Amino acid sequence: MFAKQNYEIKYKAYENKDIYIGGMYKNERNGLGTLYYENGDIHMGLWLNDDAHGKGMRYVKRKDKEYLGYWEYNRFIPKSIRKKRQNSTDSMQSSIENF
């Protein structure tokens, strides 16, 4: 899925106040990274050409839920795993590593 490229780890702040930290290639999110949404949501996982694509976890603040599973072009695959929020983004990191 991910060709060997010259990815760089970068910090990027968007005009809408979202913040991304992770792999970038040609100024797009690629590889492993975390996007912190202005509304408090967080997506940690794999990215492809600016889309959440592959394994990942998204915390949705207004629902206080984590979605752990697979994404294809920013869409959550409904048959993948879904679980309640634990305590912190540290739990998100360990869940992704053990997924």
Protein backbone atom coordinates (compact mmCIF):
# COMPACT_ATOMS: atom_id res chain seq x y z
CA MET A 1 0.00 0.00 0.00
CA PHE A 2 2.77 2.44 0.90
CA ALA A 3 5.66 2.61 -1.53
CA LYS A 4 9.07 3.40 -0.10
CA GLN A 5 9.33 7.16 -0.39
CA ASN A 6 11.20 10.01 1.24
CA TYR A 7 8.74 10.70 4.03
CA GLU A 8 9.54 13.37 6.57
CA ILE A 9 8.10 13.77 10.04
CA LYS A 10 6.57 17.21 10.20
CA TYR A 11 4.31 19.46 12.22
CA LYS A 12 1.61 21.23 10.20
CA ALA A 13 -0.96 23.72 11.50
CA TYR A 14 -3.95 24.30 9.21
CA GLU A 15 -5.98 27.49 8.81
CA ASN A 16 -8.98 25.78 10.48
CA LYS A 17 -6.76 25.21 13.59
CA ASP A 18 -6.34 21.45 13.05
CA ILE A 19 -2.80 20.24 13.77
CA TYR A 20 -1.02 17.29 12.18
CA ILE A 21 2.18 15.64 13.39
CA GLY A 22 3.55 12.78 11.35
CA GLY A 23 4.72 11.56 7.98
CA MET A 24 4.47 13.94 5.07
CA TYR A 25 5.30 13.47 1.42
CA LYS A 26 4.85 16.24 -1.16
CA ASN A 27 3.04 18.32 1.50
CA GLU A 28 0.36 15.63 2.07
CA ARG A 29 -0.21 13.38 5.09
CA ASN A 30 1.40 10.00 4.31
CA GLY A 31 2.56 7.19 6.56
CA LEU A 32 1.98 7.20 10.32
CA GLY A 33 0.67 10.38 11.90
CA THR A 34 -1.80 12.06 14.23
CA LEU A 35 -4.32 14.75 13.34
CA TYR A 36 -5.69 16.85 16.20
CA TYR A 37 -8.96 18.42 15.10
CA GLU A 38 -9.95 21.85 16.36
CA ASN A 39 -13.20 20.36 17.76
CA GLY A 40 -11.26 17.99 20.06
CA ASP A 41 -11.40 14.86 17.87
CA ILE A 42 -8.13 12.99 17.27
CA HIS A 43 -7.16 10.59 14.49
CA MET A 44 -4.01 8.51 14.93
CA GLY A 45 -3.00 6.02 12.28
CA LEU A 46 -1.93 5.53 8.70
CA TRP A 47 -2.44 8.15 5.99
CA LEU A 48 -2.30 8.01 2.22
CA ASN A 49 -2.36 11.18 0.08
CA ASP A 50 -4.00 13.23 2.88
CA ASP A 51 -6.67 10.59 3.65
CA ALA A 52 -6.93 8.32 6.70
CA HIS A 53 -6.20 5.00 5.01
CA GLY A 54 -5.31 1.74 6.77
CA LYS A 55 -5.13 0.95 10.49
CA GLY A 56 -6.12 3.74 12.78
CA MET A 57 -8.00 5.00 15.77
CA ARG A 58 -10.27 8.02 15.90
CA TYR A 59 -11.49 9.57 19.12
CA VAL A 60 -14.76 11.47 18.65
CA LYS A 61 -15.07 13.95 21.51
CA ARG A 62 -18.81 14.71 21.29
CA LYS A 63 -19.60 10.97 21.55
CA ASP A 64 -16.71 10.20 23.94
CA LYS A 65 -15.89 7.13 21.79
CA GLU A 66 -12.88 5.62 20.12
CA TYR A 67 -13.15 3.87 16.77
CA LEU A 68 -10.35 1.35 16.27
CA GLY A 69 -10.11 -0.36 12.93
CA TYR A 70 -9.53 0.33 9.26
CA TRP A 71 -10.16 3.36 7.12
CA GLU A 72 -10.34 3.58 3.34
CA TYR A 73 -9.97 7.06 1.90
CA ASN A 74 -11.24 8.74 5.12
CA ARG A 75 -14.17 6.34 5.57
CA PHE A 76 -14.37 4.00 8.55
CA ILE A 77 -14.96 0.36 7.57
CA PRO A 78 -18.05 -0.59 9.66
CA LYS A 79 -17.08 -4.23 10.20
CA SER A 80 -13.79 -3.29 11.82
CA ILE A 81 -13.42 -3.05 15.60
CA ARG A 82 -15.29 -0.41 17.58
CA LYS A 83 -14.70 0.27 21.25
CA LYS A 84 -15.35 2.72 24.09
CA ARG A 85 -12.83 5.40 25.01
CA GLN A 86 -10.29 4.48 27.65
CA ASN A 87 -8.50 7.25 29.52
CA SER A 88 -6.10 9.14 27.27
CA THR A 89 -4.30 9.41 23.98
CA ASP A 90 -1.63 7.18 25.56
CA SER A 91 -4.19 4.36 25.45
CA MET A 92 -4.76 5.23 21.78
CA GLN A 93 -1.04 4.84 21.07
CA SER A 94 -0.80 1.45 22.80
CA SER A 95 -4.00 0.25 21.11
CA ILE A 96 -2.63 1.13 17.66
CA GLU A 97 0.70 -0.55 18.39
CA ASN A 98 -1.09 -3.74 19.53
CA PHE A 99 -3.68 -3.73 16.71
